[in-house]
Protein backbone atom coordinates (compact mmCIF):
# COMPACT_ATOMS: atom_id res chain seq x y z
CA MET A 1 50.96 63.77 146.42
CA ASP A 2 49.20 66.83 147.81
CA GLU A 3 45.63 66.71 149.03
CA LEU A 4 43.39 65.41 146.27
CA LEU A 5 40.16 66.91 145.03
CA PRO A 6 36.94 65.56 146.58
CA SER A 7 36.06 64.10 143.19
CA GLU A 8 38.99 61.66 143.48
CA ASN A 9 37.18 59.52 146.04
CA LYS A 10 34.30 59.08 143.63
CA ILE A 11 36.64 58.23 140.77
CA ASN A 12 38.59 55.73 142.87
CA ASN A 13 35.39 54.02 143.95
CA LEU A 14 34.32 53.59 140.33
CA CYS A 15 37.68 52.77 138.73
CA LEU A 16 37.98 49.28 137.27
CA GLU A 17 40.63 47.61 135.15
CA LEU A 18 39.49 47.04 131.58
CA GLU A 19 40.08 43.32 131.91
CA GLU A 20 37.26 42.43 129.54
CA ILE A 21 38.96 44.21 126.62
CA ASP A 22 41.64 42.34 124.71
CA LYS A 23 44.75 44.54 124.53
CA THR A 24 45.22 43.60 120.88
CA ASP A 25 42.90 44.77 118.13
CA ILE A 26 41.03 41.56 117.36
CA ASN A 27 38.59 43.27 115.00
CA LYS A 28 39.74 42.54 111.47
CA ASN A 29 39.22 45.85 109.71
CA SER A 30 42.16 46.78 107.51
CA LEU A 31 40.81 50.33 107.06
CA HIS A 32 42.24 51.08 110.52
CA GLY A 33 45.75 50.62 109.09
CA ILE A 34 45.34 53.07 106.23
CA SER A 35 48.08 55.34 107.63
CA PRO A 36 50.00 55.48 110.95
CA TYR A 37 49.08 57.88 113.71
CA VAL A 38 50.73 58.45 117.08
CA GLY A 39 48.54 58.03 120.16
CA LYS A 40 45.51 56.56 118.40
CA ILE A 41 42.71 54.88 120.34
CA ARG A 42 42.74 51.09 119.95
CA SER A 43 39.91 49.89 117.74
CA SER A 44 38.99 47.26 120.36
CA LEU A 45 38.60 49.99 122.99
CA SER A 46 36.50 52.13 120.63
CA ASN A 47 34.39 49.10 119.83
CA HIS A 48 33.83 48.30 123.54
CA LEU A 49 32.86 51.84 124.52
CA ILE A 50 30.45 52.17 121.60
CA GLU A 51 28.87 48.81 122.33
CA LYS A 52 28.41 49.60 126.02
CA TYR A 53 27.55 53.31 126.06
CA ALA A 54 26.58 54.75 122.66
CA ILE A 55 22.94 55.87 122.42
CA LYS A 56 21.25 53.95 119.63
CA GLY A 57 19.90 55.81 116.64
CA GLU A 58 21.85 58.99 117.37
CA TYR A 59 25.16 60.48 116.27
CA ILE A 60 28.53 59.48 117.68
CA CYS A 61 31.03 62.33 117.68
CA ASP A 62 34.77 62.45 118.32
CA PRO A 63 35.72 66.16 118.71
CA PHE A 64 39.47 65.32 118.70
CA CYS A 65 39.19 62.52 116.18
CA GLY A 66 42.88 61.94 115.36
CA SER A 67 43.16 58.73 113.35
CA GLY A 68 39.38 58.24 113.21
CA SER A 69 39.28 54.99 115.21
CA VAL A 70 36.08 55.93 117.07
CA LEU A 71 34.42 57.19 113.89
CA LEU A 72 35.20 54.07 111.89
CA GLU A 73 34.05 51.72 114.66
CA GLY A 74 30.89 53.77 115.03
CA TRP A 75 30.17 53.51 111.31
CA VAL A 76 30.82 49.75 111.34
CA LYS A 77 28.27 49.42 114.17
CA GLY A 78 25.62 51.32 112.23
CA PHE A 79 25.89 54.84 113.65
CA ASN A 80 26.00 58.21 111.90
CA VAL A 81 29.35 59.76 112.87
CA LEU A 82 30.91 63.20 113.09
CA GLY A 83 34.57 63.99 113.70
CA LEU A 84 36.57 67.19 114.20
CA ASP A 85 40.28 67.89 114.37
CA LEU A 86 42.69 70.81 113.99
CA ASN A 87 45.36 68.66 112.37
CA PRO A 88 45.12 68.46 108.54
CA TYR A 89 46.74 65.00 108.62
CA ALA A 90 44.18 63.71 111.15
CA PHE A 91 41.39 65.28 109.10
CA THR A 92 42.69 63.59 105.95
CA ILE A 93 43.06 60.04 107.25
CA SER A 94 39.81 60.17 109.25
CA SER A 95 38.03 61.32 106.09
CA GLY A 96 39.81 58.60 104.13
CA LYS A 97 38.68 55.83 106.48
CA LEU A 98 35.08 57.02 106.25
CA ASN A 99 35.03 57.36 102.46
CA PRO A 100 36.42 54.21 100.84
CA PHE A 101 35.05 52.99 97.54
CA ASP A 102 32.33 50.40 98.12
CA ASN A 103 34.53 47.76 96.46
CA LEU A 104 38.11 47.24 95.35
CA ASP A 105 37.25 47.10 91.65
CA LYS A 106 35.97 50.70 91.71
CA ALA A 107 39.11 51.84 93.54
CA GLU A 108 41.37 50.19 90.96
CA LYS A 109 39.46 51.73 88.04
CA LYS A 110 39.69 55.17 89.65
CA LEU A 111 43.44 54.76 90.07
CA VAL A 112 43.83 54.02 86.36
CA THR A 113 41.89 57.17 85.45
CA LEU A 114 43.87 59.31 87.88
CA ASN A 115 47.18 57.86 86.69
CA ASN A 116 46.47 59.24 83.22
CA LYS A 117 46.00 62.71 84.74
CA VAL A 118 49.19 62.34 86.77
CA GLU A 119 51.18 61.47 83.65
CA ILE A 120 50.06 64.77 82.08
CA LEU A 121 50.74 66.81 85.22
CA LEU A 122 54.24 65.34 85.64
CA LYS A 123 55.44 67.38 82.67
CA GLU A 124 54.82 70.55 84.68
CA ILE A 125 56.30 69.39 88.01
CA SER A 126 59.68 70.65 89.21
CA VAL A 127 61.33 69.83 92.55
CA LYS A 128 63.91 72.59 92.21
CA ASP A 129 62.43 74.70 95.01
CA THR A 130 61.45 71.75 97.23
CA PRO A 131 63.14 72.00 100.68
CA LYS A 132 66.31 69.93 100.99
CA TRP A 133 65.01 67.97 103.99
CA ILE A 134 62.15 66.73 101.81
CA LYS A 135 64.47 65.84 98.93
CA ASP A 136 66.65 63.85 101.31
CA PHE A 137 63.88 61.26 101.67
CA PHE A 138 63.19 60.43 98.02
CA HIS A 139 64.58 59.63 94.61
CA ARG A 140 63.94 62.75 92.50
CA LYS A 141 61.68 60.93 90.05
CA THR A 142 59.68 59.39 92.89
CA LEU A 143 59.35 62.79 94.55
CA LYS A 144 57.95 64.35 91.38
CA GLU A 145 55.38 61.57 91.13
CA ILE A 146 54.34 61.97 94.78
CA ILE A 147 53.80 65.71 94.31
CA ALA A 148 51.77 65.10 91.15
CA TRP A 149 49.65 62.38 92.73
CA ILE A 150 48.89 64.41 95.83
CA GLY A 151 47.95 67.41 93.70
CA ILE A 152 45.50 65.33 91.63
CA LEU A 153 44.05 63.52 94.67
CA GLN A 154 43.43 66.81 96.48
CA GLU A 155 41.90 68.35 93.36
CA GLU A 156 39.56 65.35 93.02
CA ASN A 157 38.88 65.23 96.80
CA GLU A 158 39.86 61.55 96.85
CA MET A 159 40.53 61.32 100.58
CA PHE A 160 40.67 57.53 100.70
CA LEU A 161 43.35 57.26 98.02
CA LEU A 162 45.21 60.25 99.47
CA SER A 163 45.25 58.54 102.88
CA CYS A 164 46.62 55.36 101.29
CA LEU A 165 49.39 57.37 99.65
CA LEU A 166 50.31 59.07 102.93
CA GLY A 167 50.41 55.63 104.52
CA ILE A 168 53.23 54.47 102.24
CA LEU A 169 55.16 57.73 102.21
CA HIS A 170 58.10 56.62 104.33
CA HIS A 171 59.50 53.35 105.66
CA GLN A 172 62.35 50.98 104.88
CA ARG A 173 60.24 48.25 103.31
CA PRO A 174 60.08 47.78 99.52
CA GLY A 175 56.37 48.71 99.32
CA PHE A 176 57.04 52.24 100.55
CA LEU A 177 58.25 55.30 98.66
CA SER A 178 61.12 56.81 100.63
CA PHE A 179 64.73 55.95 101.13
CA PRO A 180 65.22 53.83 104.30
CA ALA A 181 63.34 55.63 107.08
CA SER A 182 61.24 54.96 110.15
CA HIS A 183 57.49 54.61 109.67
CA GLY A 184 55.71 56.32 112.59
CA ALA A 185 57.84 59.47 112.44
CA PRO A 186 60.13 60.41 109.53
CA TYR A 187 63.76 59.75 110.39
CA LEU A 188 66.23 58.58 107.75
CA ARG A 189 68.07 55.35 108.46
CA SER A 190 70.99 55.93 106.10
CA CYS A 191 73.49 54.91 108.79
CA LYS A 192 71.79 51.57 109.30
CA PHE A 193 71.33 51.10 105.55
CA PRO A 194 74.29 52.77 103.77
CA LYS A 195 73.65 53.48 100.11
CA MET A 196 76.81 51.65 99.04
CA GLU A 197 75.67 48.45 100.78
CA TYR A 198 71.95 48.71 99.99
CA PRO A 199 71.76 50.40 96.57
CA LYS A 200 68.30 49.00 95.73
CA MET A 201 66.80 50.84 98.71
CA TYR A 202 67.78 54.13 97.07
CA GLU A 203 66.41 53.44 93.61
CA TYR A 204 63.39 55.03 91.92
CA ARG A 205 60.06 53.71 93.18
CA ASN A 206 56.99 53.91 90.98
CA VAL A 207 54.16 55.57 92.92
CA TYR A 208 51.27 54.07 90.96
CA ASP A 209 52.49 50.48 91.44
CA ARG A 210 52.98 50.86 95.18
CA LEU A 211 49.79 52.83 95.68
CA LEU A 212 47.80 50.11 93.92
CA LYS A 213 49.31 47.45 96.18
CA LYS A 214 48.57 49.58 99.25
CA VAL A 215 44.94 49.97 98.19
CA LYS A 216 44.65 46.19 97.76
CA ARG A 217 46.10 45.65 101.26
CA THR A 218 43.65 48.16 102.70
CA TYR A 219 40.73 46.17 101.25
CA LYS A 220 42.01 42.86 102.65
CA TYR A 221 39.64 42.84 105.64
CA VAL A 222 36.76 45.28 105.23
CA PRO A 223 33.50 44.56 107.08
CA ASP A 224 30.06 45.20 105.63
CA LEU A 225 29.49 48.96 105.65
CA ASP A 226 26.30 50.96 105.29
CA PHE A 227 27.16 53.75 102.85
CA SER A 228 23.77 55.41 103.42
CA LEU A 229 24.86 56.51 106.92
CA ASN A 230 26.21 60.03 107.43
CA ARG A 231 29.99 60.25 107.91
CA GLU A 232 31.42 63.74 108.26
CA VAL A 233 34.79 65.11 109.35
CA LEU A 234 35.38 68.82 109.92
CA LEU A 235 38.74 70.60 110.05
CA GLY A 236 38.73 73.07 112.93
CA ASP A 237 38.66 73.78 116.67
CA SER A 238 36.05 71.54 118.31
CA THR A 239 35.54 74.05 121.13
CA LYS A 240 34.48 76.77 118.68
CA ILE A 241 33.28 75.25 115.43
CA THR A 242 29.58 75.44 114.65
CA ILE A 243 28.03 71.97 114.55
CA PRO A 244 25.31 71.40 111.95
CA LYS A 245 21.92 71.04 113.65
CA LYS A 246 21.79 67.47 114.87
CA ARG A 247 21.73 65.72 118.22
CA ILE A 248 25.17 64.57 119.35
CA ALA A 249 24.06 61.98 121.88
CA THR A 250 27.42 60.23 122.32
CA ILE A 251 30.87 61.82 122.52
CA ILE A 252 33.90 59.53 122.72
CA THR A 253 37.25 61.27 122.53
CA SER A 254 40.87 61.40 123.65
CA PRO A 255 41.90 65.08 123.67
CA PRO A 256 45.57 65.99 123.15
CA TYR A 257 46.93 66.53 126.63
CA MET A 258 49.96 68.13 128.28
CA LYS A 259 52.30 68.06 125.28
CA SER A 260 52.63 64.32 125.89
CA LEU A 261 52.70 63.72 122.12
CA THR A 262 54.00 65.87 119.27
CA TYR A 263 51.44 65.20 116.56
CA ALA A 264 52.81 67.67 114.02
CA ARG A 265 56.50 66.87 114.51
CA ASP A 266 55.87 63.14 114.14
CA ASN A 267 53.93 63.73 110.92
CA ARG A 268 55.95 66.63 109.54
CA LEU A 269 56.74 64.91 106.24
CA ARG A 270 53.12 63.99 105.55
CA LEU A 271 51.99 67.46 106.64
CA TRP A 272 54.41 69.13 104.21
CA PHE A 273 52.80 67.28 101.31
CA LEU A 274 49.41 68.44 102.63
CA GLY A 275 50.55 72.06 102.48
CA VAL A 276 51.70 72.61 106.09
CA GLU A 277 55.24 73.95 105.93
CA ASP A 278 55.58 75.12 109.56
CA TRP A 279 54.92 72.01 111.65
CA LYS A 280 56.32 73.69 114.78
CA GLU A 281 53.59 76.31 114.73
CA LEU A 282 50.95 73.63 114.26
CA ASP A 283 52.31 71.65 117.23
CA LYS A 284 51.84 74.70 119.45
CA THR A 285 48.16 74.62 118.57
CA ILE A 286 47.40 70.89 118.72
CA SER A 287 49.75 69.92 121.58
CA PRO A 288 48.65 72.26 124.40
CA SER A 289 50.60 73.06 127.56
CA PRO A 290 49.04 72.10 130.92
CA HIS A 291 47.44 75.54 131.36
CA GLU A 292 46.24 75.58 127.75
CA PHE A 293 44.84 72.07 128.11
CA LEU A 294 42.73 72.99 131.13
CA GLU A 295 41.43 76.11 129.39
CA MET A 296 40.66 74.00 126.32
CA MET A 297 38.68 71.52 128.42
CA LYS A 298 36.73 74.33 130.11
CA ASN A 299 35.78 75.68 126.69
CA PHE A 300 35.03 72.15 125.52
CA PHE A 301 32.48 71.46 128.24
CA ILE A 302 30.90 74.91 127.87
CA HIS A 303 30.51 74.38 124.12
CA TRP A 304 29.37 70.75 124.16
CA ASN A 305 27.05 71.23 127.12
CA ARG A 306 24.97 73.40 124.77
CA ILE A 307 24.83 70.64 122.17
CA GLN A 308 24.03 67.66 124.38
CA ILE A 309 20.82 67.08 126.33
CA LYS A 310 19.96 65.25 129.56
CA ASN A 311 21.29 61.65 129.76
CA ASP A 312 23.60 62.08 126.75
CA ILE A 313 27.03 60.49 127.11
CA CYS A 314 30.50 62.06 127.05
CA ILE A 315 33.52 59.74 127.37
CA ILE A 316 36.95 61.28 127.91
CA ILE A 317 40.17 59.24 127.61
CA ILE A 318 43.26 60.89 129.16
CA GLY A 319 46.63 59.95 130.61
CA ASP A 320 47.06 59.19 134.30
CA ILE A 321 49.56 61.95 135.02
CA PRO A 322 49.88 64.61 137.78
CA ILE A 323 49.08 68.26 137.19
CA LYS A 324 48.90 71.49 139.18
CA TYR A 325 45.26 72.52 139.50
CA SER A 326 43.64 75.00 141.92
CA SER A 327 46.89 75.25 143.91
CA LYS A 328 46.98 71.47 144.40
CA THR A 329 48.74 68.58 142.70
CA VAL A 330 46.10 66.24 141.35
CA PHE A 331 45.84 63.69 138.58
CA LEU A 332 44.72 64.95 135.19
CA HIS A 333 41.44 63.02 135.21
CA GLU A 334 40.53 64.62 138.56
CA ALA A 335 40.97 68.09 137.12
CA VAL A 336 38.94 67.19 134.03
CA TYR A 337 36.11 65.78 136.14
CA ASP A 338 36.16 68.83 138.38
CA ILE A 339 35.72 71.00 135.29
CA ALA A 340 32.90 68.83 133.94
CA LYS A 341 30.93 68.05 137.09
CA SER A 342 28.66 71.12 137.08
CA ASN A 343 26.93 69.73 133.99
CA TYR A 344 27.92 66.06 133.92
CA ARG A 345 27.84 63.27 136.46
CA LEU A 346 30.39 60.45 136.57
CA ILE A 347 28.80 57.03 136.01
CA LYS A 348 31.92 54.91 135.42
CA ALA A 349 35.70 55.23 135.35
CA TYR A 350 38.24 52.77 134.01
CA LYS A 351 42.00 52.37 134.35
CA ASP A 352 43.41 51.16 131.05
CA PRO A 353 47.13 50.17 130.99
CA ILE A 354 48.93 51.10 127.78
CA PRO A 355 50.51 47.96 126.25
CA GLU A 356 54.18 48.31 125.31
CA GLU A 357 53.51 47.04 121.80
CA LYS A 358 51.07 49.90 121.20
CA LYS A 359 53.54 52.63 122.09
CA MET A 360 55.02 54.58 119.20
CA VAL A 361 58.15 55.14 121.31
CA LYS A 362 59.09 51.82 122.93
CA GLY A 363 60.13 51.98 126.57
CA ASN A 364 58.47 55.36 127.13
CA ASP A 365 57.11 55.15 130.71
CA LYS A 366 55.92 58.74 130.94
CA ILE A 367 52.30 57.58 130.65
CA LYS A 368 51.72 54.00 131.80
CA ARG A 369 47.95 53.98 131.68
CA GLU A 370 44.97 56.04 130.68
CA ILE A 371 41.85 56.86 132.62
CA ILE A 372 38.49 56.61 130.88
CA LEU A 373 35.78 58.84 132.35
CA VAL A 374 32.21 57.98 131.37
CA LEU A 375 30.07 61.06 132.01
CA GLU A 376 26.33 61.56 131.68
CA ARG A 377 24.77 64.93 130.96
CA ASN A 378 22.68 66.26 133.89
């Protein structure tokens, strides 16, 4: 490694292993599993950081909210929460987690009502002009039902039910809607499960039946929730979007860094149903290059410095990877701290190994651990 930034000594002196946090998500909250998301923050980690650092009585915000793990844990712990994300899929499932029905009975009754509307809309649905790569995943009748259901759910702004539907869109298990496919990212598994040998896996699948079962699974372990608290998710650039007038005392976030994950590619099938046809263009925006990432973080701290006040908390979770910065090779967290230090002081840093079982791509050693920077506003 080249000479490190002066800030590295401070970070090294403060860095601790997160030994007190169980690497598995011990909190039983089935809302977290509403739909898969690559690179999501563990709920146990979110829970720990909120418990230890969140400022009581004030908002918790995740400006790159992704799957909404921080937001949901914040709500469970009695905080008002605000999330932002550029990705329509992230926006949808974060909104879904924060807006369930207050009991399963209400969700089931709503599904019955919506199913009647879907039955009417189905008469108008055609999949003739649907792209072939979409058709390859579904029985034609199932595909028509999915399109009708998503149309009705979007029209009714039923983000919870829409998130449940996206969560069963593709997999090889019977409770899902596609032909045999992977779950995290949409790849057909027709070679592993040939149609001639596994004909039942290629049959029509009724969307209402499977959606109802998914909703029931999602309500299996739901903690007591205070529905009077504010829960808001905004779709847009967190470095530019205007925040409604409120104090954001605690920021906890894991920004998308260094093209380490391809959020749009891995969710291209779900995004298509949400109206995003060009996932490659979206990936350019939400998976920044190293230079773009550093510029994004500069804008981030400029923008959020105006919103936070003295002693407010900003926690950044990023991969422990090298980067060229100011003509030196440094680790990513060093560069981020160097950008932040004019307005924030470092009060704690953690090294958090990434468990193999939590990786979407098994055996991927590109990022072995993440660094958690706990910053306090000057």
